[in-house]
Every structure is written in C-alpha cells, then in structure tokens.
Amino acid sequence: MSAAAPPAGAAATPGIARRLASFVYEGVLLFGVVMIAGYLYSSLTQQRHALEGRGGLMAFLFVVLAIYFVWFWSHGGQTVAMKAWHVRLVTADGGPVSQLRALARYLLSWVWFLPALATAHFAGLKSSLAVFTLMTVGVLAYAALAWLHPQRQFWHDAVCGTRLVHWNPPRPPKPAQR
C-alpha cells in the first residue's frame, strides 16, 4: 500500500458519502445490464428454468460485469454512475488507467462482498433480509476502512495503484455573442 501523498495539483478525493452514492446508483444501472445479459445467456443456452445452469449464468455475468467495468475505467475512467456523481478513476499519479490495472481493480473490488457472503454461507443464513442486512453492514464496514488510508482511498484502489478523484468535466466555451 502506498501512503505517498498525491501529486501536486491532483484532484481532491471525493467524500465517502459521494462514493457510496455512486456505488448505489451503479447498482441500479447494472440491473439493466444484468437483465439483458441474463436474457442473452438464457436464449443462447436454451435455459428453461432459472436454477438450470445457474453456475454458468453466474460465470457469464461475472465476465459481462468485468467487460463493463474494465471498458469504462480504461476508456475515460468513469462509468455512467461515476459521471453522474463527478467521480473519476485515475492511477496514483493521476494518469489514465490501463486495461490490466482496471481488470485487477475489478477482481479486487469483490472484496466489498466476499466477507459478508462467506459469513452468511458459514452461518447458514437463508433469509433474504438477513443476507441483505449482512451485506449492507459489510459494505459499510469496508467503506469505513477508507478513513484509515492517508488519502481516504479504498483498499482495492491502494493495492491497484489507482485513486478515485472528484472530477468536474471541462465546460465547453460559450459561443461569442454578436
């Protein structure tokens, strides 16, 4: 983990509340992506029941989400939700993110969910409400860990050499008035 200060002139780190709002909005937008991908998978595999081929569907969705995030992060540093909340992903030195670095960030970002999912599995929780509550607490606890990092970055960003920054897109110049 690099604790070095961000480069001079670097954009400010957005607050945790802003990043979590972007996270929630991303989930809403991904609902459509997952629905379309699930429909495509069920059409291609002739799936007739939701639990039939469940493992294949989960693997397919994992790859679809990887493509979504890696593409957006390595082509401009922002997903649709990140644009709406003025958050951008850059390297630790402020440069654009490569596809390999974006893939590593995607894979490590699953740490948001794995502890809560493992706890639910080993505790034998079956109730949707109990699992949802545990996931919410896990995500909030993971987000709170950012307060331990000198630049308030998430663990997976520190490991991958990336940072989330506040980003206001440049405004186009106003046309000259006659």
N, C-alpha and C. Protein backbone atom coordinates (compact mmCIF):
# COMPACT_ATOMS: atom_id res chain seq x y z
N MET A 1 0.83 -1.17 0.00
CA MET A 1 0.00 0.00 0.00
C MET A 1 0.88 1.24 0.00
N SER A 2 0.61 2.12 -0.92
CA SER A 2 1.38 3.35 -1.00
C SER A 2 0.73 4.43 -0.15
N ALA A 3 1.47 5.00 0.75
CA ALA A 3 0.94 6.06 1.60
C ALA A 3 1.46 7.42 1.14
N ALA A 4 2.11 7.46 -0.01
CA ALA A 4 2.66 8.72 -0.51
C ALA A 4 1.54 9.69 -0.82
N ALA A 5 1.85 10.95 -0.68
CA ALA A 5 0.87 11.99 -0.96
C ALA A 5 0.57 12.01 -2.45
N PRO A 6 -0.64 12.40 -2.82
CA PRO A 6 -0.96 12.51 -4.24
C PRO A 6 -0.12 13.60 -4.88
N PRO A 7 0.10 13.53 -6.19
CA PRO A 7 0.92 14.52 -6.86
C PRO A 7 0.34 15.92 -6.73
N ALA A 8 1.22 16.91 -6.78
CA ALA A 8 0.79 18.31 -6.67
C ALA A 8 -0.20 18.61 -7.79
N GLY A 9 -1.25 19.31 -7.44
CA GLY A 9 -2.26 19.66 -8.44
C GLY A 9 -3.26 18.55 -8.69
N ALA A 10 -3.17 17.45 -7.95
CA ALA A 10 -4.09 16.34 -8.15
C ALA A 10 -5.48 16.73 -7.66
N ALA A 11 -6.48 16.15 -8.28
CA ALA A 11 -7.85 16.41 -7.88
C ALA A 11 -8.11 15.84 -6.49
N ALA A 12 -9.04 16.44 -5.80
CA ALA A 12 -9.37 16.02 -4.44
C ALA A 12 -10.11 14.68 -4.44
N THR A 13 -9.93 13.95 -3.36
CA THR A 13 -10.64 12.70 -3.19
C THR A 13 -12.09 13.00 -2.81
N PRO A 14 -13.05 12.41 -3.53
CA PRO A 14 -14.45 12.67 -3.15
C PRO A 14 -14.76 12.04 -1.79
N GLY A 15 -15.71 12.58 -1.10
CA GLY A 15 -16.09 12.05 0.20
C GLY A 15 -16.65 10.64 0.08
N ILE A 16 -16.63 9.93 1.19
CA ILE A 16 -17.12 8.56 1.19
C ILE A 16 -18.61 8.52 0.86
N ALA A 17 -19.37 9.50 1.33
CA ALA A 17 -20.81 9.53 1.03
C ALA A 17 -21.05 9.64 -0.48
N ARG A 18 -20.28 10.48 -1.15
CA ARG A 18 -20.40 10.63 -2.62
C ARG A 18 -20.05 9.32 -3.32
N ARG A 19 -18.98 8.67 -2.86
CA ARG A 19 -18.57 7.41 -3.48
C ARG A 19 -19.60 6.31 -3.25
N LEU A 20 -20.20 6.29 -2.05
CA LEU A 20 -21.24 5.29 -1.78
C LEU A 20 -22.51 5.58 -2.58
N ALA A 21 -22.84 6.86 -2.77
CA ALA A 21 -23.99 7.20 -3.60
C ALA A 21 -23.77 6.74 -5.04
N SER A 22 -22.56 6.93 -5.54
CA SER A 22 -22.22 6.45 -6.87
C SER A 22 -22.31 4.93 -6.93
N PHE A 23 -21.86 4.27 -5.88
CA PHE A 23 -21.91 2.81 -5.76
C PHE A 23 -23.35 2.31 -5.85
N VAL A 24 -24.26 2.95 -5.12
CA VAL A 24 -25.67 2.55 -5.13
C VAL A 24 -26.29 2.82 -6.50
N TYR A 25 -26.00 3.98 -7.07
CA TYR A 25 -26.53 4.31 -8.39
C TYR A 25 -26.01 3.32 -9.43
N GLU A 26 -24.75 2.92 -9.29
CA GLU A 26 -24.17 1.93 -10.20
C GLU A 26 -24.97 0.63 -10.14
N GLY A 27 -25.35 0.24 -8.92
CA GLY A 27 -26.16 -0.97 -8.76
C GLY A 27 -27.49 -0.87 -9.47
N VAL A 28 -28.11 0.29 -9.43
CA VAL A 28 -29.39 0.49 -10.12
C VAL A 28 -29.18 0.36 -11.63
N LEU A 29 -28.14 0.99 -12.15
CA LEU A 29 -27.87 0.92 -13.59
C LEU A 29 -27.49 -0.49 -14.03
N LEU A 30 -26.75 -1.20 -13.18
CA LEU A 30 -26.32 -2.55 -13.54
C LEU A 30 -27.48 -3.53 -13.57
N PHE A 31 -28.59 -3.19 -12.94
CA PHE A 31 -29.76 -4.04 -13.01
C PHE A 31 -30.13 -4.29 -14.47
N GLY A 32 -30.14 -3.24 -15.28
CA GLY A 32 -30.45 -3.38 -16.71
C GLY A 32 -29.41 -4.20 -17.45
N VAL A 33 -28.14 -3.98 -17.15
CA VAL A 33 -27.06 -4.73 -17.80
C VAL A 33 -27.21 -6.22 -17.48
N VAL A 34 -27.47 -6.52 -16.22
CA VAL A 34 -27.60 -7.92 -15.79
C VAL A 34 -28.86 -8.56 -16.42
N MET A 35 -29.93 -7.81 -16.51
CA MET A 35 -31.15 -8.35 -17.12
C MET A 35 -30.92 -8.70 -18.59
N ILE A 36 -30.29 -7.81 -19.33
CA ILE A 36 -30.04 -8.06 -20.75
C ILE A 36 -29.07 -9.23 -20.91
N ALA A 37 -28.02 -9.25 -20.09
CA ALA A 37 -27.04 -10.34 -20.17
C ALA A 37 -27.69 -11.68 -19.79
N GLY A 38 -28.55 -11.67 -18.77
CA GLY A 38 -29.25 -12.89 -18.38
C GLY A 38 -30.18 -13.38 -19.48
N TYR A 39 -30.87 -12.46 -20.14
CA TYR A 39 -31.74 -12.83 -21.25
C TYR A 39 -30.92 -13.43 -22.39
N LEU A 40 -29.79 -12.81 -22.70
CA LEU A 40 -28.91 -13.31 -23.76
C LEU A 40 -28.42 -14.72 -23.42
N TYR A 41 -27.97 -14.89 -22.17
CA TYR A 41 -27.47 -16.21 -21.74
C TYR A 41 -28.58 -17.27 -21.84
N SER A 42 -29.77 -16.94 -21.35
CA SER A 42 -30.85 -17.93 -21.37
C SER A 42 -31.28 -18.24 -22.80
N SER A 43 -31.20 -17.26 -23.69
CA SER A 43 -31.54 -17.51 -25.10
C SER A 43 -30.49 -18.40 -25.78
N LEU A 44 -29.23 -18.09 -25.53
CA LEU A 44 -28.15 -18.85 -26.17
C LEU A 44 -28.05 -20.28 -25.66
N THR A 45 -28.36 -20.49 -24.39
CA THR A 45 -28.24 -21.82 -23.80
C THR A 45 -29.56 -22.57 -23.76
N GLN A 46 -30.63 -21.95 -24.25
CA GLN A 46 -31.97 -22.55 -24.22
C GLN A 46 -32.38 -22.90 -22.79
N GLN A 47 -32.02 -22.05 -21.85
CA GLN A 47 -32.34 -22.24 -20.45
C GLN A 47 -33.84 -22.07 -20.25
N ARG A 48 -34.47 -23.05 -19.62
CA ARG A 48 -35.93 -23.01 -19.43
C ARG A 48 -36.33 -22.76 -17.98
N HIS A 49 -35.40 -22.89 -17.06
CA HIS A 49 -35.70 -22.70 -15.64
C HIS A 49 -34.57 -21.87 -15.04
N ALA A 50 -34.90 -20.97 -14.13
CA ALA A 50 -33.90 -20.05 -13.59
C ALA A 50 -32.75 -20.76 -12.87
N LEU A 51 -33.02 -21.88 -12.23
CA LEU A 51 -31.96 -22.58 -11.50
C LEU A 51 -31.18 -23.55 -12.37
N GLU A 52 -31.65 -23.77 -13.57
CA GLU A 52 -30.96 -24.64 -14.52
C GLU A 52 -29.75 -23.89 -15.08
N GLY A 53 -28.58 -24.43 -14.96
CA GLY A 53 -27.39 -23.75 -15.47
C GLY A 53 -27.01 -22.53 -14.66
N ARG A 54 -27.34 -22.52 -13.38
CA ARG A 54 -27.10 -21.35 -12.53
C ARG A 54 -25.61 -20.98 -12.46
N GLY A 55 -24.74 -21.98 -12.33
CA GLY A 55 -23.30 -21.72 -12.26
C GLY A 55 -22.77 -21.06 -13.52
N GLY A 56 -23.25 -21.53 -14.67
CA GLY A 56 -22.83 -20.94 -15.94
C GLY A 56 -23.30 -19.50 -16.07
N LEU A 57 -24.54 -19.26 -15.63
CA LEU A 57 -25.08 -17.90 -15.67
C LEU A 57 -24.27 -16.98 -14.78
N MET A 58 -23.93 -17.43 -13.59
CA MET A 58 -23.15 -16.60 -12.67
C MET A 58 -21.78 -16.29 -13.26
N ALA A 59 -21.13 -17.28 -13.87
CA ALA A 59 -19.83 -17.05 -14.50
C ALA A 59 -19.96 -16.07 -15.67
N PHE A 60 -21.01 -16.22 -16.46
CA PHE A 60 -21.25 -15.34 -17.59
C PHE A 60 -21.44 -13.90 -17.12
N LEU A 61 -22.25 -13.72 -16.08
CA LEU A 61 -22.49 -12.37 -15.55
C LEU A 61 -21.21 -11.77 -14.96
N PHE A 62 -20.38 -12.59 -14.33
CA PHE A 62 -19.10 -12.11 -13.79
C PHE A 62 -18.25 -11.55 -14.93
N VAL A 63 -18.22 -12.25 -16.06
CA VAL A 63 -17.43 -11.80 -17.21
C VAL A 63 -18.05 -10.55 -17.83
N VAL A 64 -19.37 -10.51 -17.95
CA VAL A 64 -20.05 -9.33 -18.51
C VAL A 64 -19.76 -8.10 -17.66
N LEU A 65 -19.85 -8.24 -16.35
CA LEU A 65 -19.56 -7.11 -15.46
C LEU A 65 -18.09 -6.70 -15.57
N ALA A 66 -17.19 -7.67 -15.72
CA ALA A 66 -15.77 -7.35 -15.90
C ALA A 66 -15.58 -6.52 -17.16
N ILE A 67 -16.22 -6.93 -18.24
CA ILE A 67 -16.10 -6.18 -19.50
C ILE A 67 -16.64 -4.76 -19.32
N TYR A 68 -17.78 -4.64 -18.67
CA TYR A 68 -18.40 -3.33 -18.43
C TYR A 68 -17.44 -2.41 -17.68
N PHE A 69 -16.96 -2.87 -16.52
CA PHE A 69 -16.12 -2.00 -15.70
C PHE A 69 -14.75 -1.75 -16.34
N VAL A 70 -14.11 -2.78 -16.86
CA VAL A 70 -12.79 -2.59 -17.46
C VAL A 70 -12.88 -1.63 -18.64
N TRP A 71 -13.91 -1.76 -19.44
CA TRP A 71 -14.06 -0.86 -20.59
C TRP A 71 -14.19 0.60 -20.13
N PHE A 72 -15.13 0.86 -19.23
CA PHE A 72 -15.35 2.25 -18.81
C PHE A 72 -14.15 2.81 -18.05
N TRP A 73 -13.56 2.02 -17.17
CA TRP A 73 -12.43 2.53 -16.38
C TRP A 73 -11.20 2.79 -17.24
N SER A 74 -11.01 1.99 -18.29
CA SER A 74 -9.82 2.19 -19.13
C SER A 74 -10.09 3.12 -20.32
N HIS A 75 -11.31 3.55 -20.50
CA HIS A 75 -11.67 4.49 -21.57
C HIS A 75 -12.36 5.71 -20.94
N GLY A 76 -11.59 6.52 -20.28
CA GLY A 76 -12.12 7.75 -19.70
C GLY A 76 -12.20 7.73 -18.18
N GLY A 77 -12.08 6.55 -17.57
CA GLY A 77 -12.03 6.47 -16.11
C GLY A 77 -13.36 6.62 -15.40
N GLN A 78 -14.47 6.60 -16.14
CA GLN A 78 -15.77 6.80 -15.50
C GLN A 78 -16.83 5.89 -16.09
N THR A 79 -17.62 5.26 -15.21
CA THR A 79 -18.83 4.58 -15.64
C THR A 79 -19.92 5.63 -15.70
N VAL A 80 -21.12 5.25 -16.11
CA VAL A 80 -22.23 6.21 -16.19
C VAL A 80 -22.52 6.79 -14.81
N ALA A 81 -22.55 5.94 -13.79
CA ALA A 81 -22.83 6.42 -12.43
C ALA A 81 -21.72 7.34 -11.94
N MET A 82 -20.48 7.03 -12.26
CA MET A 82 -19.37 7.87 -11.84
C MET A 82 -19.46 9.25 -12.51
N LYS A 83 -19.92 9.30 -13.76
CA LYS A 83 -20.10 10.58 -14.43
C LYS A 83 -21.17 11.40 -13.73
N ALA A 84 -22.26 10.74 -13.35
CA ALA A 84 -23.36 11.45 -12.68
C ALA A 84 -22.91 12.03 -11.34
N TRP A 85 -22.03 11.35 -10.65
CA TRP A 85 -21.58 11.80 -9.32
C TRP A 85 -20.22 12.50 -9.36
N HIS A 86 -19.70 12.80 -10.55
CA HIS A 86 -18.44 13.52 -10.73
C HIS A 86 -17.27 12.83 -10.02
N VAL A 87 -17.18 11.53 -10.23
CA VAL A 87 -16.09 10.73 -9.67
C VAL A 87 -15.36 10.10 -10.84
N ARG A 88 -14.03 10.09 -10.76
CA ARG A 88 -13.24 9.52 -11.85
C ARG A 88 -12.14 8.64 -11.27
N LEU A 89 -11.83 7.57 -11.98
CA LEU A 89 -10.75 6.67 -11.60
C LEU A 89 -9.50 7.02 -12.39
N VAL A 90 -8.41 7.24 -11.67
CA VAL A 90 -7.12 7.54 -12.29
C VAL A 90 -6.05 6.71 -11.59
N THR A 91 -4.88 6.66 -12.16
CA THR A 91 -3.76 5.99 -11.50
C THR A 91 -3.32 6.84 -10.31
N ALA A 92 -2.47 6.30 -9.48
CA ALA A 92 -2.00 7.03 -8.30
C ALA A 92 -1.33 8.35 -8.67
N ASP A 93 -0.71 8.42 -9.86
CA ASP A 93 -0.07 9.66 -10.29
C ASP A 93 -0.98 10.54 -11.14
N GLY A 94 -2.27 10.16 -11.27
CA GLY A 94 -3.23 10.99 -11.97
C GLY A 94 -3.43 10.66 -13.44
N GLY A 95 -2.78 9.62 -13.94
CA GLY A 95 -2.88 9.26 -15.35
C GLY A 95 -4.06 8.35 -15.64
N PRO A 96 -4.25 8.02 -16.91
CA PRO A 96 -5.33 7.10 -17.28
C PRO A 96 -5.03 5.68 -16.82
N VAL A 97 -6.08 4.91 -16.61
CA VAL A 97 -5.97 3.54 -16.10
C VAL A 97 -5.88 2.57 -17.28
N SER A 98 -4.91 1.66 -17.24
CA SER A 98 -4.77 0.65 -18.28
C SER A 98 -5.81 -0.44 -18.10
N GLN A 99 -6.02 -1.24 -19.15
CA GLN A 99 -6.99 -2.33 -19.06
C GLN A 99 -6.56 -3.36 -18.02
N LEU A 100 -5.29 -3.66 -17.94
CA LEU A 100 -4.81 -4.63 -16.96
C LEU A 100 -5.03 -4.14 -15.53
N ARG A 101 -4.75 -2.89 -15.29
CA ARG A 101 -4.97 -2.31 -13.96
C ARG A 101 -6.47 -2.26 -13.64
N ALA A 102 -7.28 -1.94 -14.63
CA ALA A 102 -8.74 -1.92 -14.44
C ALA A 102 -9.25 -3.33 -14.13
N LEU A 103 -8.71 -4.33 -14.79
CA LEU A 103 -9.11 -5.72 -14.52
C LEU A 103 -8.72 -6.12 -13.10
N ALA A 104 -7.52 -5.76 -12.69
CA ALA A 104 -7.08 -6.07 -11.32
C ALA A 104 -7.99 -5.38 -10.31
N ARG A 105 -8.37 -4.14 -10.58
CA ARG A 105 -9.26 -3.42 -9.67
C ARG A 105 -10.63 -4.08 -9.62
N TYR A 106 -11.12 -4.52 -10.77
CA TYR A 106 -12.42 -5.22 -10.79
C TYR A 106 -12.37 -6.48 -9.93
N LEU A 107 -11.33 -7.27 -10.12
CA LEU A 107 -11.23 -8.52 -9.36
C LEU A 107 -11.10 -8.24 -7.86
N LEU A 108 -10.27 -7.28 -7.49
CA LEU A 108 -10.10 -6.97 -6.07
C LEU A 108 -11.31 -6.26 -5.46
N SER A 109 -12.11 -5.61 -6.29
CA SER A 109 -13.28 -4.92 -5.74
C SER A 109 -14.33 -5.88 -5.20
N TRP A 110 -14.24 -7.15 -5.54
CA TRP A 110 -15.16 -8.13 -4.99
C TRP A 110 -14.94 -8.33 -3.49
N VAL A 111 -13.86 -7.78 -2.95
CA VAL A 111 -13.62 -7.84 -1.51
C VAL A 111 -14.72 -7.09 -0.76
N TRP A 112 -15.41 -6.17 -1.45
CA TRP A 112 -16.55 -5.49 -0.84
C TRP A 112 -17.57 -6.51 -0.32
N PHE A 113 -17.76 -7.61 -1.06
CA PHE A 113 -18.85 -8.54 -0.79
C PHE A 113 -18.42 -9.86 -0.17
N LEU A 114 -17.21 -10.30 -0.44
CA LEU A 114 -16.81 -11.65 -0.04
C LEU A 114 -16.89 -11.93 1.46
N PRO A 115 -16.44 -11.07 2.36
CA PRO A 115 -16.56 -11.39 3.79
C PRO A 115 -18.01 -11.59 4.24
N ALA A 116 -18.89 -10.73 3.78
CA ALA A 116 -20.31 -10.86 4.18
C ALA A 116 -20.93 -12.11 3.58
N LEU A 117 -20.61 -12.40 2.32
CA LEU A 117 -21.15 -13.61 1.70
C LEU A 117 -20.62 -14.88 2.36
N ALA A 118 -19.34 -14.88 2.70
CA ALA A 118 -18.77 -16.04 3.39
C ALA A 118 -19.39 -16.22 4.77
N THR A 119 -19.59 -15.12 5.47
CA THR A 119 -20.23 -15.18 6.79
C THR A 119 -21.65 -15.73 6.67
N ALA A 120 -22.41 -15.25 5.70
CA ALA A 120 -23.78 -15.74 5.50
C ALA A 120 -23.78 -17.23 5.19
N HIS A 121 -22.83 -17.65 4.35
CA HIS A 121 -22.76 -19.07 3.98
C HIS A 121 -22.43 -19.95 5.18
N PHE A 122 -21.39 -19.59 5.91
CA PHE A 122 -20.95 -20.43 7.04
C PHE A 122 -21.90 -20.34 8.24
N ALA A 123 -22.65 -19.24 8.33
CA ALA A 123 -23.65 -19.12 9.40
C ALA A 123 -24.96 -19.81 9.02
N GLY A 124 -25.05 -20.23 7.77
CA GLY A 124 -26.25 -20.92 7.32
C GLY A 124 -27.45 -20.01 7.16
N LEU A 125 -27.21 -18.73 6.91
CA LEU A 125 -28.32 -17.78 6.75
C LEU A 125 -29.05 -18.05 5.43
N LYS A 126 -30.35 -18.17 5.51
CA LYS A 126 -31.16 -18.42 4.31
C LYS A 126 -32.12 -17.26 4.02
N SER A 127 -32.43 -16.47 5.03
CA SER A 127 -33.36 -15.36 4.88
C SER A 127 -32.74 -14.26 4.01
N SER A 128 -33.49 -13.82 3.02
CA SER A 128 -33.02 -12.73 2.15
C SER A 128 -32.75 -11.47 2.95
N LEU A 129 -33.60 -11.19 3.91
CA LEU A 129 -33.42 -9.99 4.73
C LEU A 129 -32.13 -10.08 5.55
N ALA A 130 -31.85 -11.25 6.12
CA ALA A 130 -30.64 -11.42 6.92
C ALA A 130 -29.39 -11.28 6.06
N VAL A 131 -29.41 -11.86 4.87
CA VAL A 131 -28.25 -11.77 3.97
C VAL A 131 -28.08 -10.32 3.48
N PHE A 132 -29.18 -9.66 3.13
CA PHE A 132 -29.11 -8.27 2.69
C PHE A 132 -28.56 -7.36 3.80
N THR A 133 -29.02 -7.58 5.02
CA THR A 133 -28.55 -6.79 6.16
C THR A 133 -27.06 -7.01 6.38
N LEU A 134 -26.65 -8.26 6.32
CA LEU A 134 -25.23 -8.59 6.50
C LEU A 134 -24.39 -7.97 5.38
N MET A 135 -24.89 -7.99 4.16
CA MET A 135 -24.17 -7.39 3.02
C MET A 135 -24.05 -5.87 3.21
N THR A 136 -25.12 -5.25 3.67
CA THR A 136 -25.11 -3.80 3.88
C THR A 136 -24.08 -3.42 4.96
N VAL A 137 -24.10 -4.15 6.05
CA VAL A 137 -23.14 -3.89 7.14
C VAL A 137 -21.71 -4.13 6.64
N GLY A 138 -21.51 -5.19 5.85
CA GLY A 138 -20.18 -5.48 5.31
C GLY A 138 -19.68 -4.39 4.39
N VAL A 139 -20.54 -3.90 3.51
CA VAL A 139 -20.15 -2.84 2.58
C VAL A 139 -19.82 -1.55 3.34
N LEU A 140 -20.65 -1.21 4.33
CA LEU A 140 -20.38 0.00 5.11
C LEU A 140 -19.08 -0.13 5.91
N ALA A 141 -18.83 -1.31 6.45
CA ALA A 141 -17.58 -1.53 7.20
C ALA A 141 -16.38 -1.41 6.26
N TYR A 142 -16.48 -1.97 5.06
CA TYR A 142 -15.38 -1.88 4.09
C TYR A 142 -15.15 -0.41 3.70
N ALA A 143 -16.24 0.32 3.48
CA ALA A 143 -16.11 1.74 3.11
C ALA A 143 -15.47 2.53 4.25
N ALA A 144 -15.81 2.19 5.48
CA ALA A 144 -15.24 2.89 6.63
C ALA A 144 -13.74 2.70 6.75
N LEU A 145 -13.22 1.61 6.20
CA LEU A 145 -11.77 1.37 6.23
C LEU A 145 -11.01 2.45 5.46
N ALA A 146 -11.68 3.17 4.57
CA ALA A 146 -11.02 4.24 3.82
C ALA A 146 -10.50 5.33 4.75
N TRP A 147 -11.12 5.50 5.92
CA TRP A 147 -10.66 6.52 6.86
C TRP A 147 -9.28 6.18 7.42
N LEU A 148 -8.84 4.95 7.27
CA LEU A 148 -7.52 4.56 7.74
C LEU A 148 -6.43 4.87 6.73
N HIS A 149 -6.79 5.11 5.49
CA HIS A 149 -5.82 5.40 4.43
C HIS A 149 -5.55 6.91 4.41
N PRO A 150 -4.30 7.33 4.24
CA PRO A 150 -3.96 8.76 4.28
C PRO A 150 -4.74 9.62 3.28
N GLN A 151 -5.03 9.08 2.08
CA GLN A 151 -5.81 9.85 1.09
C GLN A 151 -7.27 9.40 1.03
N ARG A 152 -7.70 8.64 2.03
CA ARG A 152 -9.09 8.17 2.12
C ARG A 152 -9.50 7.29 0.93
N GLN A 153 -8.55 6.53 0.40
CA GLN A 153 -8.84 5.64 -0.71
C GLN A 153 -9.26 4.26 -0.19
N PHE A 154 -10.02 3.54 -1.00
CA PHE A 154 -10.41 2.19 -0.64
C PHE A 154 -9.21 1.25 -0.79
N TRP A 155 -9.28 0.13 -0.06
CA TRP A 155 -8.18 -0.83 -0.03
C TRP A 155 -7.82 -1.31 -1.43
N HIS A 156 -8.82 -1.68 -2.24
CA HIS A 156 -8.51 -2.22 -3.57
C HIS A 156 -7.89 -1.15 -4.47
N ASP A 157 -8.19 0.12 -4.25
CA ASP A 157 -7.54 1.17 -5.03
C ASP A 157 -6.08 1.33 -4.61
N ALA A 158 -5.83 1.27 -3.31
CA ALA A 158 -4.45 1.38 -2.82
C ALA A 158 -3.59 0.25 -3.36
N VAL A 159 -4.12 -0.96 -3.38
CA VAL A 159 -3.37 -2.12 -3.86
C VAL A 159 -3.12 -2.03 -5.37
N CYS A 160 -4.12 -1.55 -6.11
CA CYS A 160 -4.01 -1.50 -7.58
C CYS A 160 -3.29 -0.25 -8.09
N GLY A 161 -2.97 0.67 -7.21
CA GLY A 161 -2.30 1.90 -7.65
C GLY A 161 -3.25 2.83 -8.38
N THR A 162 -4.51 2.84 -7.95
CA THR A 162 -5.49 3.74 -8.53
C THR A 162 -6.06 4.63 -7.43
N ARG A 163 -6.75 5.68 -7.85
CA ARG A 163 -7.43 6.54 -6.88
C ARG A 163 -8.71 7.06 -7.52
N LEU A 164 -9.68 7.29 -6.67
CA LEU A 164 -10.91 7.95 -7.09
C LEU A 164 -10.75 9.43 -6.78
N VAL A 165 -11.07 10.27 -7.75
CA VAL A 165 -10.93 11.71 -7.58
C VAL A 165 -12.23 12.40 -7.95
N HIS A 166 -12.42 13.58 -7.38
CA HIS A 166 -13.56 14.42 -7.74
C HIS A 166 -13.26 15.00 -9.11
N TRP A 167 -14.20 14.90 -10.04
CA TRP A 167 -13.94 15.32 -11.41
C TRP A 167 -15.10 16.12 -11.95
N ASN A 168 -14.84 17.37 -12.23
CA ASN A 168 -15.82 18.20 -12.94
C ASN A 168 -15.35 18.28 -14.38
N PRO A 169 -16.16 17.82 -15.32
CA PRO A 169 -15.73 17.87 -16.72
C PRO A 169 -15.56 19.31 -17.18
N PRO A 170 -14.59 19.52 -18.06
CA PRO A 170 -14.40 20.88 -18.57
C PRO A 170 -15.64 21.33 -19.35
N ARG A 171 -16.03 22.57 -19.11
CA ARG A 171 -17.20 23.10 -19.83
C ARG A 171 -16.77 23.63 -21.18
N PRO A 172 -17.63 23.40 -22.17
CA PRO A 172 -17.28 23.96 -23.50
C PRO A 172 -17.34 25.48 -23.46
N PRO A 173 -16.51 26.12 -24.24
CA PRO A 173 -16.52 27.59 -24.24
C PRO A 173 -17.86 28.11 -24.75
N LYS A 174 -18.26 29.23 -24.17
CA LYS A 174 -19.51 29.86 -24.61
C LYS A 174 -19.29 30.48 -25.98
N PRO A 175 -20.30 30.36 -26.83
CA PRO A 175 -20.14 30.99 -28.17
C PRO A 175 -20.13 32.52 -28.03
N ALA A 176 -19.35 33.12 -28.89
CA ALA A 176 -19.24 34.59 -28.88
C ALA A 176 -20.58 35.20 -29.25
N GLN A 177 -20.97 36.21 -28.50
CA GLN A 177 -22.23 36.88 -28.80
C GLN A 177 -21.97 38.07 -29.69
N ARG A 178 -22.90 38.30 -30.58
CA ARG A 178 -22.74 39.41 -31.54
C ARG A 178 -23.38 40.64 -31.06
